[in-house]
Amino acid sequence: VSRFIPQYNKGLHVTLPDGGADLLPRSVRSMVFDPSSDHWLVAQPGKHTILQVNDGNGMVTEWNRPAAMRRDTCYAFFDLGEDTLYLLSRGVVQVYSRLHKTWARIVLPAPYHTAIYMAMAVDPSGCFWLVNQYGVLIKYDPSTHQARHFSDESIGSLSDCLVMDKGNHCLWIGTTGVGLFRFDLATEKFLHFDADLSNAQ
């Protein structure tokens, strides 16, 4: 397993000894570096457990989460700053405060509570922006527990790449096979950048 995180100037390469395959699988869905504990947190596809890898000695153990949090399969981690980690699951966003060592489990309202969420960002107002496996962009307001969706027929399948551009008040959305989209938060419109490099300017 190899990973490099520029903001922490940290890299990780773990080679497991014989018999260690049960600890860290060949498939790793998502991982983040937690500077508060000097561990890497690793989500496994289809698993409820989250592993932590010691940055110093490479030792792999299970991350001790509350029982209420362990019932959700973690599909992706997001470290969006401000000492907060976000874990995405089916219809659920788990929020972990590294500063206070506390958890919150947010169940998205219907009809958004059944989808698997693959990527997220948080805008300056505190609203969550999420992408699900159906290629739909969701806006969720934690203060009102209200959600709504946005889609464009040309998007197809969104990937797990979603970046908040606070300076330009927009989202950049990566897709599978149809290029890049820019979503304007003010106008709520999509702008498509073609995946065909022959059209590049």
N, C-alpha and C. Protein backbone atom coordinates (compact mmCIF):
# COMPACT_ATOMS: atom_id res chain seq x y z
N VAL A 1 0.86 -1.18 0.00
CA VAL A 1 0.00 0.00 0.00
C VAL A 1 0.89 1.22 0.00
N SER A 2 0.66 2.14 -0.92
CA SER A 2 1.47 3.36 -0.97
C SER A 2 0.57 4.57 -1.06
N ARG A 3 0.97 5.65 -0.40
CA ARG A 3 0.16 6.88 -0.45
C ARG A 3 1.06 8.04 -0.03
N PHE A 4 0.85 9.22 -0.64
CA PHE A 4 1.58 10.42 -0.24
C PHE A 4 0.59 11.54 -0.04
N ILE A 5 0.67 12.24 1.09
CA ILE A 5 -0.24 13.34 1.42
C ILE A 5 0.57 14.63 1.47
N PRO A 6 0.45 15.50 0.44
CA PRO A 6 1.30 16.69 0.37
C PRO A 6 1.20 17.62 1.57
N GLN A 7 -0.03 17.86 2.11
CA GLN A 7 -0.13 18.86 3.15
C GLN A 7 0.60 18.47 4.43
N TYR A 8 0.82 17.16 4.62
CA TYR A 8 1.56 16.72 5.80
C TYR A 8 2.98 16.28 5.45
N ASN A 9 3.33 16.36 4.16
CA ASN A 9 4.63 15.89 3.69
C ASN A 9 4.87 14.47 4.17
N LYS A 10 3.80 13.66 4.08
CA LYS A 10 3.86 12.29 4.59
C LYS A 10 3.63 11.30 3.47
N GLY A 11 4.38 10.23 3.49
CA GLY A 11 4.16 9.14 2.56
C GLY A 11 4.08 7.83 3.32
N LEU A 12 3.46 6.84 2.73
CA LEU A 12 3.32 5.55 3.38
C LEU A 12 3.51 4.44 2.36
N HIS A 13 4.35 3.49 2.70
CA HIS A 13 4.42 2.25 1.91
C HIS A 13 4.50 1.11 2.91
N VAL A 14 3.52 0.22 2.87
CA VAL A 14 3.47 -0.90 3.81
C VAL A 14 3.62 -2.19 3.03
N THR A 15 4.61 -3.00 3.40
CA THR A 15 4.76 -4.34 2.86
C THR A 15 4.52 -5.31 4.01
N LEU A 16 3.47 -6.11 3.91
CA LEU A 16 3.11 -6.98 5.01
C LEU A 16 3.97 -8.23 5.03
N PRO A 17 4.29 -8.73 6.24
CA PRO A 17 5.03 -9.99 6.35
C PRO A 17 4.14 -11.16 5.97
N ASP A 18 4.73 -12.35 5.86
CA ASP A 18 3.96 -13.56 5.57
C ASP A 18 2.87 -13.73 6.61
N GLY A 19 1.65 -14.03 6.15
CA GLY A 19 0.55 -14.21 7.07
C GLY A 19 -0.16 -12.92 7.42
N GLY A 20 0.28 -11.80 6.87
CA GLY A 20 -0.33 -10.53 7.22
C GLY A 20 -1.44 -10.08 6.28
N ALA A 21 -1.79 -10.92 5.33
CA ALA A 21 -2.78 -10.53 4.31
C ALA A 21 -4.15 -10.28 4.92
N ASP A 22 -4.45 -10.93 6.05
CA ASP A 22 -5.76 -10.73 6.67
C ASP A 22 -5.86 -9.37 7.35
N LEU A 23 -4.73 -8.75 7.63
CA LEU A 23 -4.75 -7.46 8.32
C LEU A 23 -5.04 -6.31 7.36
N LEU A 24 -4.34 -6.29 6.25
CA LEU A 24 -4.51 -5.21 5.30
C LEU A 24 -4.76 -5.82 3.92
N PRO A 25 -5.96 -5.65 3.36
CA PRO A 25 -6.31 -6.32 2.11
C PRO A 25 -5.61 -5.71 0.91
N ARG A 26 -5.66 -6.43 -0.20
CA ARG A 26 -5.07 -5.90 -1.43
C ARG A 26 -5.84 -4.69 -1.92
N SER A 27 -7.15 -4.65 -1.65
CA SER A 27 -7.98 -3.52 -2.09
C SER A 27 -8.20 -2.55 -0.94
N VAL A 28 -7.81 -1.31 -1.15
CA VAL A 28 -8.01 -0.25 -0.15
C VAL A 28 -8.87 0.81 -0.79
N ARG A 29 -10.04 1.06 -0.21
CA ARG A 29 -11.00 1.99 -0.81
C ARG A 29 -10.59 3.44 -0.61
N SER A 30 -10.13 3.78 0.60
CA SER A 30 -9.83 5.18 0.90
C SER A 30 -8.96 5.22 2.14
N MET A 31 -8.10 6.22 2.23
CA MET A 31 -7.26 6.36 3.42
C MET A 31 -6.88 7.81 3.64
N VAL A 32 -6.68 8.17 4.94
CA VAL A 32 -6.24 9.51 5.30
C VAL A 32 -5.16 9.38 6.36
N PHE A 33 -4.36 10.43 6.49
CA PHE A 33 -3.36 10.48 7.56
C PHE A 33 -3.92 11.31 8.71
N ASP A 34 -3.84 10.77 9.92
CA ASP A 34 -4.33 11.46 11.11
C ASP A 34 -3.13 11.94 11.92
N PRO A 35 -2.78 13.23 11.81
CA PRO A 35 -1.58 13.71 12.51
C PRO A 35 -1.73 13.70 14.03
N SER A 36 -2.95 13.68 14.54
CA SER A 36 -3.14 13.69 15.99
C SER A 36 -2.69 12.38 16.64
N SER A 37 -2.71 11.30 15.85
CA SER A 37 -2.29 10.01 16.39
C SER A 37 -1.08 9.43 15.65
N ASP A 38 -0.65 10.10 14.58
CA ASP A 38 0.45 9.63 13.75
C ASP A 38 0.13 8.27 13.13
N HIS A 39 -1.15 8.09 12.76
CA HIS A 39 -1.60 6.86 12.12
C HIS A 39 -2.26 7.18 10.78
N TRP A 40 -2.22 6.20 9.90
CA TRP A 40 -3.02 6.22 8.68
C TRP A 40 -4.30 5.44 8.96
N LEU A 41 -5.44 5.98 8.55
CA LEU A 41 -6.72 5.29 8.69
C LEU A 41 -7.13 4.76 7.33
N VAL A 42 -7.46 3.48 7.27
CA VAL A 42 -7.67 2.78 6.01
C VAL A 42 -9.06 2.16 5.97
N ALA A 43 -9.85 2.52 4.96
CA ALA A 43 -11.17 1.92 4.76
C ALA A 43 -11.05 0.77 3.77
N GLN A 44 -11.70 -0.34 4.08
CA GLN A 44 -11.66 -1.52 3.24
C GLN A 44 -12.99 -1.67 2.50
N PRO A 45 -12.97 -2.05 1.23
CA PRO A 45 -14.22 -2.22 0.48
C PRO A 45 -15.14 -3.24 1.13
N GLY A 46 -16.38 -2.84 1.39
CA GLY A 46 -17.38 -3.76 1.91
C GLY A 46 -17.19 -4.18 3.36
N LYS A 47 -16.30 -3.51 4.10
CA LYS A 47 -16.01 -3.89 5.47
C LYS A 47 -16.52 -2.82 6.45
N HIS A 48 -16.90 -3.27 7.64
CA HIS A 48 -17.33 -2.34 8.67
C HIS A 48 -16.16 -1.86 9.52
N THR A 49 -15.08 -2.60 9.51
CA THR A 49 -13.92 -2.22 10.31
C THR A 49 -13.04 -1.23 9.54
N ILE A 50 -12.40 -0.35 10.29
CA ILE A 50 -11.43 0.60 9.74
C ILE A 50 -10.10 0.29 10.40
N LEU A 51 -9.06 0.18 9.59
CA LEU A 51 -7.74 -0.15 10.10
C LEU A 51 -6.92 1.11 10.33
N GLN A 52 -6.01 1.05 11.30
CA GLN A 52 -5.05 2.13 11.49
C GLN A 52 -3.65 1.55 11.37
N VAL A 53 -2.83 2.26 10.62
CA VAL A 53 -1.46 1.83 10.38
C VAL A 53 -0.52 2.84 11.02
N ASN A 54 0.29 2.37 11.96
CA ASN A 54 1.24 3.24 12.65
C ASN A 54 2.27 3.75 11.66
N ASP A 55 2.43 5.09 11.61
CA ASP A 55 3.34 5.69 10.62
C ASP A 55 4.79 5.36 10.93
N GLY A 56 5.08 5.05 12.20
CA GLY A 56 6.46 4.78 12.56
C GLY A 56 6.91 3.36 12.28
N ASN A 57 6.09 2.38 12.71
CA ASN A 57 6.53 0.99 12.58
C ASN A 57 5.69 0.16 11.62
N GLY A 58 4.64 0.75 11.03
CA GLY A 58 3.82 0.04 10.07
C GLY A 58 2.88 -0.98 10.68
N MET A 59 2.75 -1.00 12.02
CA MET A 59 1.87 -1.97 12.66
C MET A 59 0.41 -1.68 12.33
N VAL A 60 -0.34 -2.73 12.00
CA VAL A 60 -1.73 -2.60 11.59
C VAL A 60 -2.65 -3.08 12.71
N THR A 61 -3.58 -2.24 13.13
CA THR A 61 -4.58 -2.60 14.14
C THR A 61 -5.93 -2.05 13.70
N GLU A 62 -6.99 -2.47 14.39
CA GLU A 62 -8.31 -1.94 14.08
C GLU A 62 -8.51 -0.62 14.82
N TRP A 63 -9.10 0.37 14.11
CA TRP A 63 -9.42 1.66 14.73
C TRP A 63 -10.64 1.46 15.63
N ASN A 64 -10.50 1.85 16.88
CA ASN A 64 -11.55 1.63 17.87
C ASN A 64 -12.61 2.72 17.77
N ARG A 65 -13.72 2.39 17.08
CA ARG A 65 -14.84 3.33 16.97
C ARG A 65 -15.98 2.87 17.86
N PRO A 66 -16.89 3.79 18.26
CA PRO A 66 -18.07 3.38 19.02
C PRO A 66 -18.90 2.37 18.23
N ALA A 67 -19.62 1.52 18.96
CA ALA A 67 -20.41 0.46 18.33
C ALA A 67 -21.41 1.01 17.32
N ALA A 68 -22.01 2.16 17.64
CA ALA A 68 -23.00 2.76 16.74
C ALA A 68 -22.39 3.17 15.41
N MET A 69 -21.09 3.46 15.40
CA MET A 69 -20.40 3.86 14.18
C MET A 69 -19.90 2.65 13.39
N ARG A 70 -19.59 1.58 14.10
CA ARG A 70 -19.04 0.40 13.42
C ARG A 70 -20.08 -0.34 12.59
N ARG A 71 -21.36 -0.04 12.78
CA ARG A 71 -22.38 -0.75 11.99
C ARG A 71 -22.45 -0.26 10.56
N ASP A 72 -21.83 0.88 10.26
CA ASP A 72 -21.83 1.42 8.89
C ASP A 72 -20.57 1.00 8.15
N THR A 73 -20.74 0.57 6.91
CA THR A 73 -19.59 0.32 6.04
C THR A 73 -19.05 1.65 5.56
N CYS A 74 -17.76 1.87 5.73
CA CYS A 74 -17.15 3.13 5.31
C CYS A 74 -16.67 3.01 3.87
N TYR A 75 -17.23 3.86 2.99
CA TYR A 75 -16.83 3.82 1.59
C TYR A 75 -15.74 4.84 1.25
N ALA A 76 -15.64 5.89 2.05
CA ALA A 76 -14.63 6.90 1.76
C ALA A 76 -14.37 7.76 3.00
N PHE A 77 -13.13 8.21 3.13
CA PHE A 77 -12.71 9.17 4.15
C PHE A 77 -12.50 10.53 3.50
N PHE A 78 -12.76 11.58 4.25
CA PHE A 78 -12.40 12.91 3.78
C PHE A 78 -11.89 13.75 4.94
N ASP A 79 -10.69 14.30 4.76
CA ASP A 79 -10.08 15.20 5.73
C ASP A 79 -10.17 16.59 5.12
N LEU A 80 -11.16 17.38 5.56
CA LEU A 80 -11.40 18.69 4.96
C LEU A 80 -10.90 19.82 5.86
N GLY A 81 -9.98 19.47 6.77
CA GLY A 81 -9.40 20.48 7.64
C GLY A 81 -10.22 20.71 8.90
N GLU A 82 -9.78 21.67 9.70
CA GLU A 82 -10.47 22.05 10.93
C GLU A 82 -10.62 20.86 11.88
N ASP A 83 -9.61 19.97 11.88
CA ASP A 83 -9.57 18.85 12.83
C ASP A 83 -10.79 17.94 12.74
N THR A 84 -11.36 17.78 11.56
CA THR A 84 -12.56 16.96 11.39
C THR A 84 -12.34 15.94 10.29
N LEU A 85 -12.77 14.70 10.57
CA LEU A 85 -12.78 13.65 9.57
C LEU A 85 -14.23 13.31 9.22
N TYR A 86 -14.48 13.06 7.95
CA TYR A 86 -15.82 12.66 7.49
C TYR A 86 -15.71 11.26 6.90
N LEU A 87 -16.63 10.38 7.29
CA LEU A 87 -16.69 9.02 6.77
C LEU A 87 -18.02 8.86 6.06
N LEU A 88 -17.97 8.42 4.81
CA LEU A 88 -19.19 8.28 4.02
C LEU A 88 -19.62 6.82 3.96
N SER A 89 -20.93 6.61 4.09
CA SER A 89 -21.49 5.28 4.04
C SER A 89 -22.79 5.33 3.24
N ARG A 90 -23.59 4.28 3.34
CA ARG A 90 -24.87 4.25 2.64
C ARG A 90 -25.88 5.12 3.38
N GLY A 91 -26.15 6.31 2.83
CA GLY A 91 -27.12 7.22 3.42
C GLY A 91 -26.68 7.87 4.70
N VAL A 92 -25.41 7.74 5.05
CA VAL A 92 -24.91 8.22 6.34
C VAL A 92 -23.60 8.99 6.15
N VAL A 93 -23.47 10.08 6.92
CA VAL A 93 -22.18 10.78 7.05
C VAL A 93 -21.79 10.72 8.52
N GLN A 94 -20.65 10.11 8.81
CA GLN A 94 -20.12 10.13 10.16
C GLN A 94 -19.11 11.26 10.27
N VAL A 95 -19.20 12.01 11.36
CA VAL A 95 -18.32 13.17 11.58
C VAL A 95 -17.52 12.93 12.86
N TYR A 96 -16.20 12.93 12.74
CA TYR A 96 -15.33 12.69 13.89
C TYR A 96 -14.49 13.92 14.16
N SER A 97 -14.58 14.45 15.39
CA SER A 97 -13.76 15.59 15.80
C SER A 97 -12.48 15.07 16.44
N ARG A 98 -11.37 15.32 15.79
CA ARG A 98 -10.09 14.88 16.35
C ARG A 98 -9.72 15.69 17.57
N LEU A 99 -10.24 16.93 17.64
CA LEU A 99 -9.92 17.79 18.78
C LEU A 99 -10.63 17.32 20.04
N HIS A 100 -11.93 17.01 19.90
CA HIS A 100 -12.74 16.64 21.07
C HIS A 100 -12.93 15.14 21.22
N LYS A 101 -12.46 14.35 20.22
CA LYS A 101 -12.61 12.89 20.24
C LYS A 101 -14.09 12.49 20.33
N THR A 102 -14.94 13.20 19.60
CA THR A 102 -16.37 12.92 19.62
C THR A 102 -16.87 12.54 18.23
N TRP A 103 -18.01 11.83 18.21
CA TRP A 103 -18.60 11.35 16.96
C TRP A 103 -20.01 11.89 16.80
N ALA A 104 -20.40 12.09 15.54
CA ALA A 104 -21.79 12.37 15.19
C ALA A 104 -22.14 11.50 14.00
N ARG A 105 -23.35 10.96 14.01
CA ARG A 105 -23.82 10.12 12.91
C ARG A 105 -25.04 10.77 12.29
N ILE A 106 -24.88 11.26 11.05
CA ILE A 106 -25.94 11.98 10.36
C ILE A 106 -26.57 11.06 9.31
N VAL A 107 -27.84 10.77 9.48
CA VAL A 107 -28.58 9.98 8.49
C VAL A 107 -29.28 10.95 7.55
N LEU A 108 -28.98 10.87 6.27
CA LEU A 108 -29.56 11.78 5.30
C LEU A 108 -31.07 11.53 5.17
N PRO A 109 -31.85 12.58 4.92
CA PRO A 109 -33.30 12.40 4.81
C PRO A 109 -33.69 11.66 3.54
N ALA A 110 -34.88 11.05 3.56
CA ALA A 110 -35.43 10.39 2.36
C ALA A 110 -35.64 11.44 1.27
N PRO A 111 -35.39 11.08 0.02
CA PRO A 111 -35.05 9.75 -0.52
C PRO A 111 -33.55 9.49 -0.64
N TYR A 112 -32.75 10.29 0.06
CA TYR A 112 -31.29 10.21 -0.11
C TYR A 112 -30.63 9.24 0.87
N HIS A 113 -31.40 8.57 1.69
CA HIS A 113 -30.85 7.74 2.76
C HIS A 113 -30.47 6.34 2.32
N THR A 114 -30.70 5.99 1.05
CA THR A 114 -30.39 4.63 0.59
C THR A 114 -29.18 4.58 -0.35
N ALA A 115 -28.71 5.72 -0.82
CA ALA A 115 -27.60 5.74 -1.78
C ALA A 115 -26.25 5.61 -1.07
N ILE A 116 -25.26 5.13 -1.81
CA ILE A 116 -23.88 5.08 -1.32
C ILE A 116 -23.18 6.36 -1.76
N TYR A 117 -22.53 7.03 -0.82
CA TYR A 117 -21.87 8.30 -1.13
C TYR A 117 -20.37 8.09 -1.23
N MET A 118 -19.79 8.67 -2.30
CA MET A 118 -18.41 8.39 -2.67
C MET A 118 -17.47 9.57 -2.46
N ALA A 119 -18.02 10.78 -2.40
CA ALA A 119 -17.16 11.97 -2.26
C ALA A 119 -17.96 13.09 -1.62
N MET A 120 -17.24 14.02 -0.97
CA MET A 120 -17.95 15.14 -0.37
C MET A 120 -17.04 16.35 -0.26
N ALA A 121 -17.68 17.50 -0.06
CA ALA A 121 -17.00 18.76 0.22
C ALA A 121 -17.93 19.56 1.12
N VAL A 122 -17.37 20.56 1.78
CA VAL A 122 -18.16 21.42 2.66
C VAL A 122 -17.99 22.86 2.18
N ASP A 123 -19.11 23.58 1.98
CA ASP A 123 -19.01 24.96 1.49
C ASP A 123 -18.87 25.92 2.67
N PRO A 124 -18.60 27.22 2.41
CA PRO A 124 -18.37 28.18 3.50
C PRO A 124 -19.55 28.32 4.46
N SER A 125 -20.76 28.00 4.04
CA SER A 125 -21.92 28.10 4.91
C SER A 125 -22.10 26.86 5.79
N GLY A 126 -21.27 25.84 5.58
CA GLY A 126 -21.36 24.62 6.38
C GLY A 126 -22.20 23.53 5.76
N CYS A 127 -22.73 23.75 4.55
CA CYS A 127 -23.52 22.72 3.88
C CYS A 127 -22.61 21.64 3.30
N PHE A 128 -23.09 20.40 3.33
CA PHE A 128 -22.37 19.28 2.74
C PHE A 128 -22.78 19.13 1.28
N TRP A 129 -21.80 18.86 0.43
CA TRP A 129 -22.04 18.52 -0.97
C TRP A 129 -21.50 17.12 -1.17
N LEU A 130 -22.36 16.21 -1.66
CA LEU A 130 -22.00 14.80 -1.78
C LEU A 130 -22.32 14.27 -3.16
N VAL A 131 -21.54 13.28 -3.59
CA VAL A 131 -21.79 12.59 -4.85
C VAL A 131 -22.11 11.14 -4.53
N ASN A 132 -23.22 10.63 -5.09
CA ASN A 132 -23.54 9.23 -4.84
C ASN A 132 -23.21 8.36 -6.05
N GLN A 133 -23.45 7.04 -5.90
CA GLN A 133 -23.03 6.12 -6.94
C GLN A 133 -23.90 6.20 -8.18
N TYR A 134 -24.98 6.97 -8.14
CA TYR A 134 -25.83 7.13 -9.31
C TYR A 134 -25.45 8.37 -10.13
N GLY A 135 -24.38 9.04 -9.74
CA GLY A 135 -23.95 10.22 -10.48
C GLY A 135 -24.78 11.45 -10.19
N VAL A 136 -25.30 11.55 -8.97
CA VAL A 136 -26.13 12.69 -8.58
C VAL A 136 -25.42 13.50 -7.50
N LEU A 137 -25.45 14.82 -7.66
CA LEU A 137 -24.87 15.73 -6.69
C LEU A 137 -25.95 16.12 -5.67
N ILE A 138 -25.63 15.98 -4.38
CA ILE A 138 -26.57 16.25 -3.31
C ILE A 138 -26.05 17.40 -2.45
N LYS A 139 -26.95 18.33 -2.10
CA LYS A 139 -26.63 19.37 -1.12
C LYS A 139 -27.41 19.07 0.16
N TYR A 140 -26.69 19.00 1.28
CA TYR A 140 -27.33 18.72 2.57
C TYR A 140 -26.98 19.83 3.55
N ASP A 141 -28.01 20.40 4.20
CA ASP A 141 -27.82 21.46 5.18
C ASP A 141 -27.99 20.86 6.58
N PRO A 142 -26.91 20.70 7.36
CA PRO A 142 -27.02 20.10 8.69
C PRO A 142 -27.88 20.91 9.66
N SER A 143 -27.98 22.23 9.44
CA SER A 143 -28.74 23.06 10.37
C SER A 143 -30.24 22.87 10.23
N THR A 144 -30.70 22.47 9.04
CA THR A 144 -32.14 22.27 8.81
C THR A 144 -32.51 20.81 8.53
N HIS A 145 -31.49 19.98 8.33
CA HIS A 145 -31.67 18.57 7.96
C HIS A 145 -32.46 18.44 6.65
N GLN A 146 -32.23 19.39 5.75
CA GLN A 146 -32.87 19.37 4.44
C GLN A 146 -31.84 19.05 3.37
N ALA A 147 -32.27 18.33 2.34
CA ALA A 147 -31.38 17.97 1.24
C ALA A 147 -32.10 18.14 -0.09
N ARG A 148 -31.33 18.41 -1.13
CA ARG A 148 -31.85 18.47 -2.49
C ARG A 148 -30.78 18.00 -3.44
N HIS A 149 -31.19 17.66 -4.66
CA HIS A 149 -30.22 17.11 -5.59
C HIS A 149 -30.14 17.93 -6.87
N PHE A 150 -29.02 17.76 -7.56
CA PHE A 150 -28.75 18.43 -8.83
C PHE A 150 -28.18 17.38 -9.78
N SER A 151 -28.60 17.43 -11.02
CA SER A 151 -28.06 16.49 -11.99
C SER A 151 -28.07 17.13 -13.38
N ASP A 152 -27.27 16.57 -14.24
CA ASP A 152 -27.19 17.01 -15.63
C ASP A 152 -27.15 15.75 -16.48
N GLU A 153 -28.00 15.67 -17.49
CA GLU A 153 -28.12 14.44 -18.26
C GLU A 153 -26.83 14.04 -18.96
N SER A 154 -25.92 14.99 -19.14
CA SER A 154 -24.67 14.67 -19.82
C SER A 154 -23.58 14.18 -18.87
N ILE A 155 -23.86 14.19 -17.56
CA ILE A 155 -22.81 13.83 -16.60
C ILE A 155 -22.47 12.35 -16.67
N GLY A 156 -23.46 11.49 -16.78
CA GLY A 156 -23.17 10.06 -16.74
C GLY A 156 -22.83 9.64 -15.33
N SER A 157 -21.72 8.97 -15.17
CA SER A 157 -21.32 8.47 -13.86
C SER A 157 -20.25 9.36 -13.26
N LEU A 158 -20.57 9.99 -12.14
CA LEU A 158 -19.57 10.81 -11.45
C LEU A 158 -18.55 9.92 -10.76
N SER A 159 -17.34 10.40 -10.69
CA SER A 159 -16.31 9.66 -9.98
C SER A 159 -16.28 10.10 -8.53
N ASP A 160 -15.26 9.66 -7.81
CA ASP A 160 -15.14 10.05 -6.40
C ASP A 160 -14.24 11.27 -6.25
N CYS A 161 -14.25 12.13 -7.26
CA CYS A 161 -13.43 13.35 -7.23
C CYS A 161 -14.35 14.56 -7.15
N LEU A 162 -14.32 15.27 -6.02
CA LEU A 162 -15.17 16.44 -5.80
C LEU A 162 -14.35 17.45 -5.01
N VAL A 163 -14.14 18.64 -5.57
CA VAL A 163 -13.29 19.65 -4.95
C VAL A 163 -14.05 20.96 -4.82
N MET A 164 -14.03 21.54 -3.61
CA MET A 164 -14.66 22.84 -3.37
C MET A 164 -13.66 23.95 -3.67
N ASP A 165 -14.03 24.82 -4.60
CA ASP A 165 -13.22 25.99 -4.94
C ASP A 165 -13.88 27.20 -4.28
N LYS A 166 -13.49 27.48 -3.05
CA LYS A 166 -14.15 28.55 -2.28
C LYS A 166 -13.90 29.92 -2.88
N GLY A 167 -12.72 30.12 -3.48
CA GLY A 167 -12.40 31.41 -4.07
C GLY A 167 -13.32 31.77 -5.21
N ASN A 168 -13.71 30.77 -6.00
CA ASN A 168 -14.58 31.01 -7.15
C ASN A 168 -16.01 30.55 -6.91
N HIS A 169 -16.29 30.13 -5.68
CA HIS A 169 -17.65 29.75 -5.27
C HIS A 169 -18.22 28.69 -6.21
N CYS A 170 -17.45 27.61 -6.38
CA CYS A 170 -17.91 26.55 -7.27
C CYS A 170 -17.35 25.20 -6.81
N LEU A 171 -17.90 24.14 -7.40
CA LEU A 171 -17.41 22.79 -7.21
C LEU A 171 -16.82 22.27 -8.51
N TRP A 172 -15.73 21.52 -8.40
CA TRP A 172 -15.18 20.82 -9.55
C TRP A 172 -15.47 19.34 -9.36
N ILE A 173 -16.06 18.72 -10.37
CA ILE A 173 -16.54 17.35 -10.26
C ILE A 173 -15.90 16.50 -11.35
N GLY A 174 -15.15 15.49 -10.94
CA GLY A 174 -14.57 14.56 -11.88
C GLY A 174 -15.57 13.48 -12.25
N THR A 175 -15.50 12.98 -13.46
CA THR A 175 -16.45 11.95 -13.92
C THR A 175 -15.70 10.74 -14.45
N THR A 176 -16.45 9.70 -14.70
CA THR A 176 -15.91 8.51 -15.33
C THR A 176 -16.24 8.55 -16.82
N GLY A 177 -15.30 8.99 -17.62
CA GLY A 177 -15.43 8.91 -19.07
C GLY A 177 -16.00 10.11 -19.79
N VAL A 178 -16.52 11.12 -19.07
CA VAL A 178 -17.10 12.26 -19.79
C VAL A 178 -16.49 13.59 -19.37
N GLY A 179 -15.28 13.57 -18.83
CA GLY A 179 -14.58 14.80 -18.57
C GLY A 179 -14.84 15.41 -17.21
N LEU A 180 -14.73 16.73 -17.16
CA LEU A 180 -14.78 17.49 -15.91
C LEU A 180 -15.96 18.45 -15.94
N PHE A 181 -16.61 18.62 -14.77
CA PHE A 181 -17.72 19.55 -14.65
C PHE A 181 -17.41 20.60 -13.58
N ARG A 182 -17.86 21.80 -13.86
CA ARG A 182 -17.81 22.88 -12.88
C ARG A 182 -19.24 23.24 -12.50
N PHE A 183 -19.54 23.21 -11.20
CA PHE A 183 -20.89 23.52 -10.72
C PHE A 183 -20.83 24.85 -9.97
N ASP A 184 -21.55 25.84 -10.49
CA ASP A 184 -21.58 27.17 -9.88
C ASP A 184 -22.57 27.16 -8.72
N LEU A 185 -22.10 27.46 -7.51
CA LEU A 185 -22.95 27.41 -6.34
C LEU A 185 -24.01 28.51 -6.34
N ALA A 186 -23.74 29.62 -7.01
CA ALA A 186 -24.70 30.72 -7.04
C ALA A 186 -25.81 30.47 -8.06
N THR A 187 -25.43 30.07 -9.27
CA THR A 187 -26.43 29.86 -10.32
C THR A 187 -26.99 28.44 -10.33
N GLU A 188 -26.28 27.52 -9.64
CA GLU A 188 -26.67 26.11 -9.60
C GLU A 188 -26.72 25.50 -11.00
N LYS A 189 -25.73 25.87 -11.81
CA LYS A 189 -25.62 25.37 -13.18
C LYS A 189 -24.31 24.61 -13.36
N PHE A 190 -24.35 23.60 -14.24
CA PHE A 190 -23.17 22.82 -14.58
C PHE A 190 -22.51 23.37 -15.84
N LEU A 191 -21.19 23.38 -15.87
CA LEU A 191 -20.42 23.70 -17.06
C LEU A 191 -19.54 22.50 -17.36
N HIS A 192 -19.64 21.97 -18.58
CA HIS A 192 -18.95 20.74 -18.96
C HIS A 192 -17.66 21.05 -19.70
N PHE A 193 -16.58 20.40 -19.28
CA PHE A 193 -15.31 20.45 -19.98
C PHE A 193 -15.10 19.08 -20.62
N ASP A 194 -15.02 19.04 -21.94
CA ASP A 194 -15.03 17.78 -22.70
C ASP A 194 -13.82 16.93 -22.37
N ALA A 195 -14.05 15.62 -22.29
CA ALA A 195 -12.97 14.67 -22.02
C ALA A 195 -12.10 14.44 -23.24
N ASP A 196 -12.53 14.86 -24.41
CA ASP A 196 -11.79 14.64 -25.65
C ASP A 196 -10.64 15.65 -25.70
N LEU A 197 -9.39 15.15 -25.53
CA LEU A 197 -8.24 16.05 -25.49
C LEU A 197 -8.00 16.76 -26.83
N SER A 198 -8.56 16.24 -27.90
CA SER A 198 -8.39 16.89 -29.19
C SER A 198 -9.12 18.22 -29.24
N ASN A 199 -10.07 18.43 -28.28
CA ASN A 199 -10.79 19.69 -28.23
C ASN A 199 -10.18 20.68 -27.26
N ALA A 200 -9.06 20.30 -26.62
CA ALA A 200 -8.44 21.18 -25.62
C ALA A 200 -7.91 22.46 -26.26
N GLN A 201 -8.07 23.58 -25.53
CA GLN A 201 -7.63 24.87 -26.04
C GLN A 201 -6.27 25.23 -25.43
